[in-house]
Amino acid sequence: PDRVSWVWTNIGDMALATKDFIFGPILNAVDGTKALVNRLCDGLEAWQIVIYTGGTTFIVLYLRDFLFQDDETLTSRVKRQFFRIVRKIPQVKRQIARDMEKTASSIEEAMIKTVKGDYICKLPASGLSDELLFKVMEEYKAMSTNSWKNGFVSGTVYNGDDKLTELMAKTYGMFAWSNPLHPDVFPDVRKMEAEVVRMCCTLFNGDLESCGAVTSGD
C-alpha cells in the first residue's frame, strides 16, 4: 500500500520525467531546426521563401527519382541524361536535324524506287474482270524481290515452304467468310481460338485458371 500511494502521489512527476527523457532530444532537435530555418529565412520576403522552398523540393524529388530508379543502372541514367542535355545545344541540335532529314530522304528515295507504275487512288467505275484483276496482282507481285527465299532477310518470312503455302491457301478458302466477332454464328472459329489459347497456356505451364485472347498481331 505504501508503494502504491507513493506512485500515485508522484505519478505526475514521473510522467514529466519520462516525457523529458523520451521527447526531450526530439524537441531540442525541432527547436534547433526551427532556429536554423529562421536564420536562413532572415531578411527574405514571403515570395522568395515560397520559390526557394518549391525549388528545393523539386530538386530533392528529382534527385531521389534519378538516383533510385530500378529499371537501369546509375551509369546508364547519367549517360542518357548527359546526351539528352547535349542534344539541346543549338549546334548539335541543328546537326542532328540535318542528319535525320538526310536519312529520311535516303529511306524515302530507296522505298520509292522499289515501287513501279501509277498508284490507283480511286475505285474504278466498273469492276475488273478476273483476268484483268489477276494481271494487276501479278504486276504487284513482280515488285517483290525473292531475296528472302535465299535467306538474305531476317525476321520477315518465317516459313516459305510451297506445301505450307498451299495448305494455308486451302485453309483460308474454307474459312475466308468466318467472322470471329459473331461466335454464335461461327462456333468453329470460336473452338479453334480456344484451342490456340489453351496450347499457348500449356506451353507456358499455365494452370486451369490461365486464359488469353487471339488478336490480329498488330
N, C-alpha and C. Protein backbone atom coordinates (compact mmCIF):
# COMPACT_ATOMS: atom_id res chain seq x y z
N PRO A 1 0.82 -1.22 0.00
CA PRO A 1 0.00 0.00 0.00
C PRO A 1 0.85 1.26 0.00
N ASP A 2 1.98 1.26 0.78
CA ASP A 2 2.83 2.45 0.81
C ASP A 2 3.41 2.73 -0.58
N ARG A 3 3.82 1.68 -1.27
CA ARG A 3 4.39 1.86 -2.61
C ARG A 3 3.33 2.40 -3.57
N VAL A 4 2.13 1.85 -3.47
CA VAL A 4 1.05 2.31 -4.35
C VAL A 4 0.77 3.77 -4.12
N SER A 5 0.67 4.18 -2.84
CA SER A 5 0.40 5.59 -2.56
C SER A 5 1.55 6.47 -3.00
N TRP A 6 2.80 5.97 -2.90
CA TRP A 6 3.93 6.78 -3.34
C TRP A 6 3.87 6.99 -4.85
N VAL A 7 3.59 5.90 -5.59
CA VAL A 7 3.48 6.01 -7.03
C VAL A 7 2.34 6.95 -7.41
N TRP A 8 1.21 6.79 -6.72
CA TRP A 8 0.06 7.64 -7.03
C TRP A 8 0.36 9.11 -6.75
N THR A 9 1.16 9.36 -5.68
CA THR A 9 1.48 10.73 -5.33
C THR A 9 2.46 11.34 -6.31
N ASN A 10 3.39 10.52 -6.81
CA ASN A 10 4.46 11.07 -7.67
C ASN A 10 4.25 10.75 -9.16
N ILE A 11 3.08 10.28 -9.51
CA ILE A 11 2.86 9.88 -10.91
C ILE A 11 3.00 11.05 -11.87
N GLY A 12 2.62 12.24 -11.44
CA GLY A 12 2.76 13.42 -12.31
C GLY A 12 4.21 13.73 -12.60
N ASP A 13 5.04 13.71 -11.52
CA ASP A 13 6.47 13.97 -11.73
C ASP A 13 7.11 12.89 -12.60
N MET A 14 6.68 11.65 -12.41
CA MET A 14 7.22 10.55 -13.22
C MET A 14 6.87 10.73 -14.71
N ALA A 15 5.64 11.16 -14.96
CA ALA A 15 5.21 11.38 -16.35
C ALA A 15 6.03 12.49 -17.00
N LEU A 16 6.26 13.59 -16.22
CA LEU A 16 7.05 14.68 -16.76
C LEU A 16 8.49 14.25 -17.04
N ALA A 17 9.05 13.45 -16.11
CA ALA A 17 10.42 12.98 -16.30
C ALA A 17 10.52 12.06 -17.51
N THR A 18 9.52 11.19 -17.65
CA THR A 18 9.51 10.29 -18.81
C THR A 18 9.40 11.07 -20.10
N LYS A 19 8.52 12.09 -20.10
CA LYS A 19 8.35 12.91 -21.30
C LYS A 19 9.66 13.60 -21.66
N ASP A 20 10.32 14.18 -20.64
CA ASP A 20 11.58 14.87 -20.91
C ASP A 20 12.65 13.90 -21.41
N PHE A 21 12.64 12.67 -20.88
CA PHE A 21 13.65 11.69 -21.28
C PHE A 21 13.44 11.22 -22.71
N ILE A 22 12.17 10.99 -23.09
CA ILE A 22 11.88 10.45 -24.42
C ILE A 22 11.82 11.55 -25.47
N PHE A 23 11.05 12.59 -25.16
CA PHE A 23 10.79 13.62 -26.16
C PHE A 23 11.74 14.81 -26.08
N GLY A 24 12.55 14.85 -25.01
CA GLY A 24 13.46 15.98 -24.86
C GLY A 24 14.41 16.14 -26.05
N PRO A 25 15.14 15.08 -26.44
CA PRO A 25 16.05 15.22 -27.60
C PRO A 25 15.32 15.59 -28.89
N ILE A 26 14.12 15.02 -29.06
CA ILE A 26 13.34 15.33 -30.28
C ILE A 26 12.94 16.79 -30.29
N LEU A 27 12.44 17.27 -29.15
CA LEU A 27 12.03 18.67 -29.08
C LEU A 27 13.21 19.61 -29.26
N ASN A 28 14.35 19.23 -28.70
CA ASN A 28 15.55 20.06 -28.89
C ASN A 28 15.97 20.12 -30.36
N ALA A 29 15.87 18.95 -31.05
CA ALA A 29 16.21 18.93 -32.47
C ALA A 29 15.25 19.79 -33.28
N VAL A 30 13.96 19.71 -32.92
CA VAL A 30 12.97 20.53 -33.61
C VAL A 30 13.23 22.01 -33.40
N ASP A 31 13.54 22.38 -32.15
CA ASP A 31 13.84 23.78 -31.85
C ASP A 31 15.08 24.26 -32.59
N GLY A 32 16.10 23.38 -32.65
CA GLY A 32 17.32 23.74 -33.36
C GLY A 32 17.07 23.92 -34.85
N THR A 33 16.26 23.01 -35.41
CA THR A 33 15.92 23.11 -36.84
C THR A 33 15.13 24.38 -37.11
N LYS A 34 14.18 24.68 -36.22
CA LYS A 34 13.38 25.88 -36.39
C LYS A 34 14.24 27.13 -36.34
N ALA A 35 15.17 27.15 -35.41
CA ALA A 35 16.06 28.31 -35.31
C ALA A 35 16.93 28.44 -36.56
N LEU A 36 17.42 27.29 -37.09
CA LEU A 36 18.24 27.32 -38.29
C LEU A 36 17.45 27.85 -39.49
N VAL A 37 16.22 27.36 -39.64
CA VAL A 37 15.38 27.81 -40.75
C VAL A 37 15.09 29.31 -40.63
N ASN A 38 14.83 29.74 -39.40
CA ASN A 38 14.56 31.18 -39.20
C ASN A 38 15.76 32.03 -39.57
N ARG A 39 16.98 31.54 -39.24
CA ARG A 39 18.18 32.29 -39.60
C ARG A 39 18.37 32.33 -41.11
N LEU A 40 18.09 31.18 -41.78
CA LEU A 40 18.24 31.14 -43.22
C LEU A 40 17.23 32.04 -43.93
N CYS A 41 16.05 32.17 -43.35
CA CYS A 41 14.99 32.98 -43.97
C CYS A 41 15.02 34.43 -43.50
N ASP A 42 15.99 34.75 -42.64
CA ASP A 42 16.05 36.12 -42.12
C ASP A 42 16.35 37.09 -43.26
N GLY A 43 15.52 38.09 -43.41
CA GLY A 43 15.71 39.09 -44.44
C GLY A 43 15.08 38.74 -45.78
N LEU A 44 14.47 37.54 -45.90
CA LEU A 44 13.83 37.16 -47.15
C LEU A 44 12.36 37.57 -47.14
N GLU A 45 11.86 37.90 -48.32
CA GLU A 45 10.44 38.19 -48.43
C GLU A 45 9.65 36.89 -48.60
N ALA A 46 8.33 37.00 -48.44
CA ALA A 46 7.49 35.82 -48.47
C ALA A 46 7.58 35.09 -49.81
N TRP A 47 7.59 35.83 -50.93
CA TRP A 47 7.63 35.19 -52.24
C TRP A 47 8.93 34.45 -52.46
N GLN A 48 10.03 34.99 -51.87
CA GLN A 48 11.31 34.30 -52.00
C GLN A 48 11.31 32.97 -51.25
N ILE A 49 10.70 33.00 -50.07
CA ILE A 49 10.62 31.76 -49.28
C ILE A 49 9.84 30.70 -50.02
N VAL A 50 8.71 31.12 -50.65
CA VAL A 50 7.88 30.17 -51.39
C VAL A 50 8.65 29.59 -52.57
N ILE A 51 9.34 30.44 -53.33
CA ILE A 51 10.08 29.98 -54.51
C ILE A 51 11.24 29.07 -54.11
N TYR A 52 12.00 29.47 -53.08
CA TYR A 52 13.12 28.64 -52.64
C TYR A 52 12.64 27.29 -52.12
N THR A 53 11.54 27.29 -51.38
CA THR A 53 11.01 26.04 -50.85
C THR A 53 10.55 25.12 -51.96
N GLY A 54 9.77 25.67 -52.91
CA GLY A 54 9.31 24.85 -54.03
C GLY A 54 10.45 24.34 -54.88
N GLY A 55 11.44 25.19 -55.16
CA GLY A 55 12.57 24.76 -55.96
C GLY A 55 13.39 23.68 -55.29
N THR A 56 13.63 23.85 -53.99
CA THR A 56 14.39 22.84 -53.26
C THR A 56 13.65 21.51 -53.23
N THR A 57 12.33 21.56 -53.01
CA THR A 57 11.53 20.33 -53.00
C THR A 57 11.59 19.63 -54.35
N PHE A 58 11.48 20.40 -55.43
CA PHE A 58 11.54 19.82 -56.77
C PHE A 58 12.89 19.15 -57.04
N ILE A 59 13.97 19.83 -56.65
CA ILE A 59 15.30 19.28 -56.88
C ILE A 59 15.51 17.99 -56.09
N VAL A 60 15.08 18.00 -54.82
CA VAL A 60 15.25 16.82 -53.97
C VAL A 60 14.47 15.63 -54.55
N LEU A 61 13.22 15.86 -54.95
CA LEU A 61 12.41 14.78 -55.52
C LEU A 61 12.99 14.28 -56.84
N TYR A 62 13.49 15.20 -57.66
CA TYR A 62 14.09 14.81 -58.93
C TYR A 62 15.33 13.94 -58.70
N LEU A 63 16.19 14.37 -57.77
CA LEU A 63 17.39 13.59 -57.48
C LEU A 63 17.04 12.23 -56.90
N ARG A 64 16.00 12.19 -56.06
CA ARG A 64 15.58 10.90 -55.49
C ARG A 64 15.13 9.95 -56.59
N ASP A 65 14.29 10.43 -57.50
CA ASP A 65 13.82 9.58 -58.60
C ASP A 65 14.95 9.20 -59.53
N PHE A 66 15.91 10.12 -59.73
CA PHE A 66 17.01 9.85 -60.65
C PHE A 66 17.98 8.82 -60.07
N LEU A 67 18.24 8.91 -58.77
CA LEU A 67 19.25 8.06 -58.15
C LEU A 67 18.73 6.67 -57.79
N PHE A 68 17.44 6.54 -57.57
CA PHE A 68 16.92 5.29 -57.03
C PHE A 68 15.95 4.60 -57.98
N GLN A 69 16.10 4.83 -59.28
CA GLN A 69 15.32 4.06 -60.24
C GLN A 69 15.88 2.65 -60.33
N ASP A 70 14.98 1.68 -60.55
CA ASP A 70 15.41 0.29 -60.61
C ASP A 70 15.47 -0.26 -62.03
N ASP A 71 14.98 0.51 -63.02
CA ASP A 71 14.91 -0.03 -64.37
C ASP A 71 16.26 -0.05 -65.07
N GLU A 72 17.21 0.80 -64.66
CA GLU A 72 18.53 0.80 -65.26
C GLU A 72 19.56 1.30 -64.24
N THR A 73 20.82 1.06 -64.53
CA THR A 73 21.89 1.43 -63.60
C THR A 73 22.08 2.95 -63.58
N LEU A 74 22.74 3.42 -62.52
CA LEU A 74 23.02 4.84 -62.39
C LEU A 74 23.89 5.34 -63.53
N THR A 75 24.86 4.52 -63.95
CA THR A 75 25.74 4.91 -65.05
C THR A 75 24.95 5.13 -66.34
N SER A 76 24.03 4.22 -66.62
CA SER A 76 23.21 4.36 -67.83
C SER A 76 22.35 5.61 -67.76
N ARG A 77 21.81 5.89 -66.58
CA ARG A 77 20.96 7.08 -66.44
C ARG A 77 21.77 8.36 -66.62
N VAL A 78 22.99 8.37 -66.07
CA VAL A 78 23.84 9.56 -66.22
C VAL A 78 24.19 9.79 -67.69
N LYS A 79 24.55 8.71 -68.40
CA LYS A 79 24.87 8.83 -69.82
C LYS A 79 23.66 9.33 -70.61
N ARG A 80 22.50 8.75 -70.32
CA ARG A 80 21.29 9.15 -71.05
C ARG A 80 20.96 10.61 -70.81
N GLN A 81 21.10 11.05 -69.56
CA GLN A 81 20.80 12.43 -69.24
C GLN A 81 21.83 13.37 -69.87
N PHE A 82 23.09 12.93 -69.89
CA PHE A 82 24.15 13.75 -70.50
C PHE A 82 23.88 13.99 -71.98
N PHE A 83 23.57 12.92 -72.72
CA PHE A 83 23.32 13.07 -74.15
C PHE A 83 22.02 13.81 -74.41
N ARG A 84 21.06 13.70 -73.50
CA ARG A 84 19.82 14.48 -73.65
C ARG A 84 20.11 15.97 -73.55
N ILE A 85 21.01 16.32 -72.64
CA ILE A 85 21.38 17.74 -72.49
C ILE A 85 22.20 18.20 -73.69
N VAL A 86 23.13 17.33 -74.14
CA VAL A 86 23.98 17.70 -75.29
C VAL A 86 23.13 17.95 -76.53
N ARG A 87 22.07 17.14 -76.71
CA ARG A 87 21.22 17.30 -77.89
C ARG A 87 20.48 18.63 -77.91
N LYS A 88 20.40 19.30 -76.78
CA LYS A 88 19.73 20.60 -76.72
C LYS A 88 20.63 21.76 -77.10
N ILE A 89 21.93 21.50 -77.23
CA ILE A 89 22.85 22.55 -77.68
C ILE A 89 22.51 22.91 -79.12
N PRO A 90 22.35 24.19 -79.45
CA PRO A 90 21.88 24.59 -80.79
C PRO A 90 22.66 23.96 -81.94
N GLN A 91 24.00 24.00 -81.85
CA GLN A 91 24.81 23.45 -82.94
C GLN A 91 24.55 21.95 -83.11
N VAL A 92 24.53 21.25 -81.98
CA VAL A 92 24.30 19.80 -82.03
C VAL A 92 22.88 19.51 -82.51
N LYS A 93 21.92 20.30 -82.04
CA LYS A 93 20.53 20.10 -82.45
C LYS A 93 20.36 20.27 -83.95
N ARG A 94 21.02 21.29 -84.52
CA ARG A 94 20.93 21.52 -85.97
C ARG A 94 21.59 20.38 -86.74
N GLN A 95 22.73 19.88 -86.25
CA GLN A 95 23.42 18.79 -86.93
C GLN A 95 22.57 17.52 -86.92
N ILE A 96 21.93 17.25 -85.77
CA ILE A 96 21.06 16.07 -85.67
C ILE A 96 19.89 16.19 -86.63
N ALA A 97 19.31 17.40 -86.71
CA ALA A 97 18.19 17.63 -87.62
C ALA A 97 18.62 17.39 -89.07
N ARG A 98 19.82 17.87 -89.44
CA ARG A 98 20.30 17.66 -90.82
C ARG A 98 20.51 16.17 -91.10
N ASP A 99 21.11 15.47 -90.14
CA ASP A 99 21.35 14.04 -90.34
C ASP A 99 20.03 13.26 -90.43
N MET A 100 19.07 13.63 -89.58
CA MET A 100 17.77 12.96 -89.61
C MET A 100 17.07 13.20 -90.95
N GLU A 101 17.13 14.42 -91.44
CA GLU A 101 16.50 14.74 -92.72
C GLU A 101 17.18 13.99 -93.86
N LYS A 102 18.50 13.90 -93.79
CA LYS A 102 19.24 13.18 -94.83
C LYS A 102 18.89 11.70 -94.82
N THR A 103 18.82 11.13 -93.62
CA THR A 103 18.47 9.71 -93.50
C THR A 103 17.05 9.45 -93.99
N ALA A 104 16.11 10.32 -93.58
CA ALA A 104 14.72 10.14 -94.01
C ALA A 104 14.59 10.24 -95.52
N SER A 105 15.33 11.17 -96.12
CA SER A 105 15.28 11.34 -97.58
C SER A 105 15.84 10.12 -98.29
N SER A 106 16.93 9.57 -97.77
CA SER A 106 17.53 8.39 -98.41
C SER A 106 16.60 7.18 -98.31
N ILE A 107 15.93 7.02 -97.14
CA ILE A 107 14.99 5.92 -96.97
C ILE A 107 13.81 6.08 -97.91
N GLU A 108 13.28 7.32 -97.99
CA GLU A 108 12.14 7.58 -98.87
C GLU A 108 12.49 7.31 -100.32
N GLU A 109 13.68 7.74 -100.72
CA GLU A 109 14.12 7.52 -102.10
C GLU A 109 14.27 6.04 -102.40
N ALA A 110 14.85 5.30 -101.46
CA ALA A 110 15.04 3.86 -101.66
C ALA A 110 13.70 3.14 -101.74
N MET A 111 12.73 3.56 -100.92
CA MET A 111 11.42 2.92 -100.93
C MET A 111 10.66 3.23 -102.22
N ILE A 112 10.79 4.45 -102.70
CA ILE A 112 10.08 4.84 -103.93
C ILE A 112 10.60 4.06 -105.12
N LYS A 113 11.91 3.79 -105.16
CA LYS A 113 12.50 3.09 -106.29
C LYS A 113 11.95 1.67 -106.44
N THR A 114 11.51 1.07 -105.33
CA THR A 114 11.04 -0.31 -105.40
C THR A 114 9.60 -0.42 -105.91
N VAL A 115 8.90 0.71 -105.99
CA VAL A 115 7.51 0.70 -106.45
C VAL A 115 7.45 1.22 -107.88
N LYS A 116 6.80 0.45 -108.75
CA LYS A 116 6.70 0.82 -110.16
C LYS A 116 5.24 1.02 -110.54
N GLY A 117 5.03 1.85 -111.53
CA GLY A 117 3.68 2.07 -112.03
C GLY A 117 2.95 3.16 -111.26
N ASP A 118 1.79 3.50 -111.78
CA ASP A 118 0.98 4.54 -111.15
C ASP A 118 0.18 3.96 -109.99
N TYR A 119 -0.16 4.84 -109.04
CA TYR A 119 -0.98 4.44 -107.91
C TYR A 119 -2.46 4.52 -108.29
N ILE A 120 -3.22 3.54 -107.86
CA ILE A 120 -4.67 3.56 -108.06
C ILE A 120 -5.27 4.29 -106.87
N CYS A 121 -5.79 5.46 -107.09
CA CYS A 121 -6.25 6.32 -106.00
C CYS A 121 -7.76 6.36 -105.83
N LYS A 122 -8.50 5.71 -106.72
CA LYS A 122 -9.96 5.69 -106.57
C LYS A 122 -10.51 4.40 -107.17
N LEU A 123 -11.69 4.03 -106.73
CA LEU A 123 -12.32 2.82 -107.23
C LEU A 123 -12.66 2.98 -108.70
N PRO A 124 -12.47 1.92 -109.50
CA PRO A 124 -12.82 2.02 -110.93
C PRO A 124 -14.34 2.16 -111.10
N ALA A 125 -14.71 2.76 -112.20
CA ALA A 125 -16.14 2.96 -112.46
C ALA A 125 -16.88 1.64 -112.55
N SER A 126 -16.23 0.62 -113.09
CA SER A 126 -16.81 -0.71 -113.16
C SER A 126 -15.79 -1.73 -112.67
N GLY A 127 -16.28 -2.82 -112.14
CA GLY A 127 -15.38 -3.83 -111.59
C GLY A 127 -14.48 -4.45 -112.65
N LEU A 128 -13.33 -4.93 -112.23
CA LEU A 128 -12.39 -5.57 -113.14
C LEU A 128 -12.77 -7.02 -113.35
N SER A 129 -12.46 -7.50 -114.50
CA SER A 129 -12.68 -8.93 -114.77
C SER A 129 -11.63 -9.75 -114.02
N ASP A 130 -11.91 -11.02 -113.86
CA ASP A 130 -10.95 -11.88 -113.16
C ASP A 130 -9.60 -11.88 -113.85
N GLU A 131 -9.61 -11.93 -115.16
CA GLU A 131 -8.36 -11.96 -115.92
C GLU A 131 -7.56 -10.69 -115.69
N LEU A 132 -8.22 -9.54 -115.75
CA LEU A 132 -7.53 -8.27 -115.57
C LEU A 132 -7.07 -8.11 -114.13
N LEU A 133 -7.89 -8.57 -113.20
CA LEU A 133 -7.53 -8.46 -111.79
C LEU A 133 -6.28 -9.27 -111.48
N PHE A 134 -6.22 -10.50 -112.03
CA PHE A 134 -5.03 -11.32 -111.79
C PHE A 134 -3.81 -10.73 -112.47
N LYS A 135 -4.01 -10.06 -113.58
CA LYS A 135 -2.89 -9.40 -114.26
C LYS A 135 -2.31 -8.28 -113.38
N VAL A 136 -3.22 -7.50 -112.78
CA VAL A 136 -2.77 -6.43 -111.88
C VAL A 136 -2.04 -7.02 -110.69
N MET A 137 -2.56 -8.10 -110.12
CA MET A 137 -1.91 -8.72 -108.96
C MET A 137 -0.54 -9.27 -109.33
N GLU A 138 -0.40 -9.81 -110.54
CA GLU A 138 0.91 -10.30 -110.98
C GLU A 138 1.91 -9.15 -111.09
N GLU A 139 1.44 -8.00 -111.54
CA GLU A 139 2.32 -6.83 -111.63
C GLU A 139 2.78 -6.40 -110.23
N TYR A 140 1.86 -6.42 -109.28
CA TYR A 140 2.24 -6.09 -107.91
C TYR A 140 3.22 -7.13 -107.36
N LYS A 141 2.94 -8.39 -107.64
CA LYS A 141 3.80 -9.46 -107.13
C LYS A 141 5.21 -9.34 -107.67
N ALA A 142 5.35 -8.86 -108.92
CA ALA A 142 6.66 -8.73 -109.54
C ALA A 142 7.53 -7.68 -108.86
N MET A 143 6.91 -6.78 -108.10
CA MET A 143 7.71 -5.76 -107.40
C MET A 143 8.54 -6.36 -106.27
N SER A 144 8.08 -7.45 -105.70
CA SER A 144 8.78 -8.05 -104.56
C SER A 144 10.00 -8.81 -105.03
N THR A 145 11.06 -8.70 -104.25
CA THR A 145 12.27 -9.47 -104.54
C THR A 145 12.17 -10.83 -103.86
N ASN A 146 12.94 -11.76 -104.35
CA ASN A 146 12.95 -13.11 -103.77
C ASN A 146 14.15 -13.33 -102.87
N SER A 147 14.73 -12.22 -102.36
CA SER A 147 15.93 -12.36 -101.53
C SER A 147 15.64 -13.14 -100.26
N TRP A 148 14.38 -13.04 -99.78
CA TRP A 148 14.05 -13.76 -98.54
C TRP A 148 14.08 -15.27 -98.75
N LYS A 149 13.82 -15.71 -99.97
CA LYS A 149 13.86 -17.16 -100.24
C LYS A 149 15.28 -17.70 -100.15
N ASN A 150 16.25 -16.84 -100.37
CA ASN A 150 17.66 -17.27 -100.31
C ASN A 150 18.28 -17.04 -98.94
N GLY A 151 17.46 -16.60 -97.98
CA GLY A 151 17.95 -16.44 -96.61
C GLY A 151 18.67 -15.14 -96.35
N PHE A 152 18.41 -14.10 -97.18
CA PHE A 152 19.10 -12.82 -97.00
C PHE A 152 18.33 -11.83 -96.13
N VAL A 153 17.16 -12.20 -95.66
CA VAL A 153 16.34 -11.31 -94.86
C VAL A 153 16.00 -12.00 -93.55
N SER A 154 16.17 -11.27 -92.44
CA SER A 154 15.93 -11.85 -91.12
C SER A 154 14.65 -11.31 -90.52
N GLY A 155 13.86 -12.21 -89.90
CA GLY A 155 12.66 -11.80 -89.18
C GLY A 155 11.55 -11.29 -90.06
N THR A 156 11.50 -11.69 -91.32
CA THR A 156 10.50 -11.19 -92.25
C THR A 156 9.51 -12.29 -92.66
N VAL A 157 10.03 -13.39 -93.16
CA VAL A 157 9.21 -14.54 -93.52
C VAL A 157 9.70 -15.73 -92.71
N TYR A 158 8.81 -16.36 -91.95
CA TYR A 158 9.23 -17.43 -91.05
C TYR A 158 9.17 -18.81 -91.71
N ASN A 159 8.38 -18.93 -92.76
CA ASN A 159 8.34 -20.21 -93.45
C ASN A 159 7.77 -19.96 -94.85
N GLY A 160 8.57 -20.23 -95.85
CA GLY A 160 8.12 -20.01 -97.22
C GLY A 160 7.94 -21.29 -97.99
N ASP A 161 7.74 -22.38 -97.29
CA ASP A 161 7.61 -23.69 -97.93
C ASP A 161 6.38 -23.71 -98.84
N ASP A 162 6.53 -24.24 -100.04
CA ASP A 162 5.43 -24.27 -101.01
C ASP A 162 4.26 -25.13 -100.52
N LYS A 163 4.55 -26.23 -99.87
CA LYS A 163 3.47 -27.09 -99.38
C LYS A 163 2.67 -26.39 -98.28
N LEU A 164 3.37 -25.66 -97.41
CA LEU A 164 2.68 -24.92 -96.37
C LEU A 164 1.84 -23.80 -96.98
N THR A 165 2.39 -23.15 -98.02
CA THR A 165 1.63 -22.09 -98.70
C THR A 165 0.35 -22.65 -99.29
N GLU A 166 0.45 -23.82 -99.91
CA GLU A 166 -0.74 -24.46 -100.48
C GLU A 166 -1.76 -24.82 -99.41
N LEU A 167 -1.27 -25.32 -98.28
CA LEU A 167 -2.16 -25.67 -97.17
C LEU A 167 -2.85 -24.43 -96.61
N MET A 168 -2.09 -23.34 -96.44
CA MET A 168 -2.67 -22.11 -95.91
C MET A 168 -3.71 -21.53 -96.86
N ALA A 169 -3.41 -21.58 -98.17
CA ALA A 169 -4.37 -21.06 -99.15
C ALA A 169 -5.67 -21.87 -99.12
N LYS A 170 -5.57 -23.18 -99.01
CA LYS A 170 -6.76 -24.02 -98.94
C LYS A 170 -7.53 -23.78 -97.65
N THR A 171 -6.79 -23.63 -96.55
CA THR A 171 -7.45 -23.37 -95.27
C THR A 171 -8.16 -22.02 -95.28
N TYR A 172 -7.50 -21.02 -95.83
CA TYR A 172 -8.13 -19.71 -95.92
C TYR A 172 -9.41 -19.77 -96.76
N GLY A 173 -9.38 -20.56 -97.84
CA GLY A 173 -10.56 -20.70 -98.67
C GLY A 173 -11.73 -21.31 -97.91
N MET A 174 -11.45 -22.17 -96.95
CA MET A 174 -12.52 -22.80 -96.17
C MET A 174 -13.15 -21.85 -95.17
N PHE A 175 -12.34 -20.92 -94.62
CA PHE A 175 -12.83 -20.07 -93.53
C PHE A 175 -12.76 -18.57 -93.86
N ALA A 176 -12.67 -18.23 -95.15
CA ALA A 176 -12.50 -16.83 -95.53
C ALA A 176 -13.64 -15.95 -95.04
N TRP A 177 -14.85 -16.48 -94.98
CA TRP A 177 -16.00 -15.67 -94.60
C TRP A 177 -16.41 -15.85 -93.14
N SER A 178 -15.62 -16.58 -92.38
CA SER A 178 -15.93 -16.75 -90.95
C SER A 178 -15.59 -15.47 -90.21
N ASN A 179 -16.50 -15.01 -89.38
CA ASN A 179 -16.32 -13.75 -88.64
C ASN A 179 -16.23 -14.04 -87.15
N PRO A 180 -15.02 -13.93 -86.56
CA PRO A 180 -14.87 -14.21 -85.12
C PRO A 180 -15.69 -13.28 -84.23
N LEU A 181 -16.15 -12.15 -84.77
CA LEU A 181 -16.96 -11.24 -83.97
C LEU A 181 -18.36 -11.79 -83.72
N HIS A 182 -18.72 -12.87 -84.43
CA HIS A 182 -20.03 -13.49 -84.25
C HIS A 182 -19.83 -14.97 -83.94
N PRO A 183 -19.34 -15.27 -82.73
CA PRO A 183 -19.05 -16.67 -82.38
C PRO A 183 -20.28 -17.56 -82.33
N ASP A 184 -21.48 -16.94 -82.19
CA ASP A 184 -22.68 -17.76 -82.19
C ASP A 184 -22.99 -18.31 -83.58
N VAL A 185 -22.58 -17.56 -84.61
CA VAL A 185 -22.81 -18.00 -85.98
C VAL A 185 -21.67 -18.89 -86.47
N PHE A 186 -20.45 -18.66 -85.95
CA PHE A 186 -19.28 -19.41 -86.37
C PHE A 186 -18.61 -20.09 -85.17
N PRO A 187 -19.27 -21.13 -84.62
CA PRO A 187 -18.68 -21.83 -83.46
C PRO A 187 -17.37 -22.52 -83.80
N ASP A 188 -17.13 -22.83 -85.08
CA ASP A 188 -15.88 -23.47 -85.47
C ASP A 188 -14.69 -22.58 -85.17
N VAL A 189 -14.82 -21.28 -85.50
CA VAL A 189 -13.73 -20.34 -85.22
C VAL A 189 -13.55 -20.17 -83.72
N ARG A 190 -14.67 -20.13 -82.99
CA ARG A 190 -14.58 -19.99 -81.54
C ARG A 190 -13.82 -21.16 -80.92
N LYS A 191 -14.09 -22.37 -81.40
CA LYS A 191 -13.41 -23.56 -80.88
C LYS A 191 -11.92 -23.53 -81.21
N MET A 192 -11.59 -23.13 -82.45
CA MET A 192 -10.17 -23.08 -82.83
C MET A 192 -9.42 -22.04 -82.02
N GLU A 193 -10.05 -20.87 -81.79
CA GLU A 193 -9.39 -19.85 -80.98
C GLU A 193 -9.15 -20.36 -79.56
N ALA A 194 -10.14 -21.03 -78.99
CA ALA A 194 -9.98 -21.58 -77.63
C ALA A 194 -8.84 -22.59 -77.59
N GLU A 195 -8.73 -23.41 -78.62
CA GLU A 195 -7.66 -24.40 -78.66
C GLU A 195 -6.29 -23.75 -78.79
N VAL A 196 -6.20 -22.69 -79.61
CA VAL A 196 -4.92 -21.97 -79.75
C VAL A 196 -4.51 -21.35 -78.43
N VAL A 197 -5.47 -20.73 -77.73
CA VAL A 197 -5.16 -20.13 -76.44
C VAL A 197 -4.70 -21.18 -75.45
N ARG A 198 -5.39 -22.32 -75.43
CA ARG A 198 -5.02 -23.38 -74.48
C ARG A 198 -3.65 -23.96 -74.80
N MET A 199 -3.32 -24.10 -76.09
CA MET A 199 -1.99 -24.58 -76.47
C MET A 199 -0.90 -23.65 -75.96
N CYS A 200 -1.13 -22.33 -76.12
CA CYS A 200 -0.14 -21.36 -75.65
C CYS A 200 -0.01 -21.39 -74.13
N CYS A 201 -1.15 -21.51 -73.44
CA CYS A 201 -1.10 -21.59 -71.97
C CYS A 201 -0.32 -22.83 -71.53
N THR A 202 -0.52 -23.93 -72.22
CA THR A 202 0.19 -25.16 -71.88
C THR A 202 1.69 -25.02 -72.11
N LEU A 203 2.06 -24.32 -73.20
CA LEU A 203 3.48 -24.11 -73.48
C LEU A 203 4.17 -23.38 -72.32
N PHE A 204 3.42 -22.49 -71.65
CA PHE A 204 3.98 -21.71 -70.55
C PHE A 204 3.56 -22.26 -69.18
N ASN A 205 3.17 -23.54 -69.17
CA ASN A 205 2.81 -24.22 -67.92
C ASN A 205 1.67 -23.52 -67.20
N GLY A 206 0.70 -23.02 -67.93
CA GLY A 206 -0.44 -22.36 -67.32
C GLY A 206 -1.38 -23.35 -66.66
N ASP A 207 -1.97 -22.92 -65.55
CA ASP A 207 -2.92 -23.80 -64.86
C ASP A 207 -4.30 -23.67 -65.49
N LEU A 208 -5.31 -24.27 -64.84
CA LEU A 208 -6.66 -24.26 -65.39
C LEU A 208 -7.28 -22.87 -65.38
N GLU A 209 -6.74 -21.96 -64.57
CA GLU A 209 -7.28 -20.61 -64.48
C GLU A 209 -6.64 -19.66 -65.48
N SER A 210 -5.59 -20.10 -66.17
CA SER A 210 -4.93 -19.23 -67.14
C SER A 210 -5.82 -19.03 -68.36
N CYS A 211 -5.69 -17.88 -68.99
CA CYS A 211 -6.56 -17.56 -70.12
C CYS A 211 -5.79 -16.68 -71.10
N GLY A 212 -6.44 -16.31 -72.19
CA GLY A 212 -5.79 -15.48 -73.19
C GLY A 212 -6.80 -15.03 -74.22
N ALA A 213 -6.30 -14.37 -75.27
CA ALA A 213 -7.15 -13.88 -76.34
C ALA A 213 -6.38 -13.91 -77.64
N VAL A 214 -7.08 -14.10 -78.74
CA VAL A 214 -6.48 -14.12 -80.06
C VAL A 214 -6.64 -12.74 -80.69
N THR A 215 -5.54 -12.16 -81.15
CA THR A 215 -5.58 -10.84 -81.78
C THR A 215 -5.03 -10.95 -83.19
N SER A 216 -5.06 -9.83 -83.90
CA SER A 216 -4.55 -9.80 -85.27
C SER A 216 -3.04 -9.71 -85.32
N GLY A 217 -2.40 -9.45 -84.16
CA GLY A 217 -0.95 -9.33 -84.14
C GLY A 217 -0.44 -7.93 -84.34
N ASP A 218 -1.33 -6.94 -84.50
CA ASP A 218 -0.90 -5.55 -84.67
C ASP A 218 -0.36 -4.99 -83.37
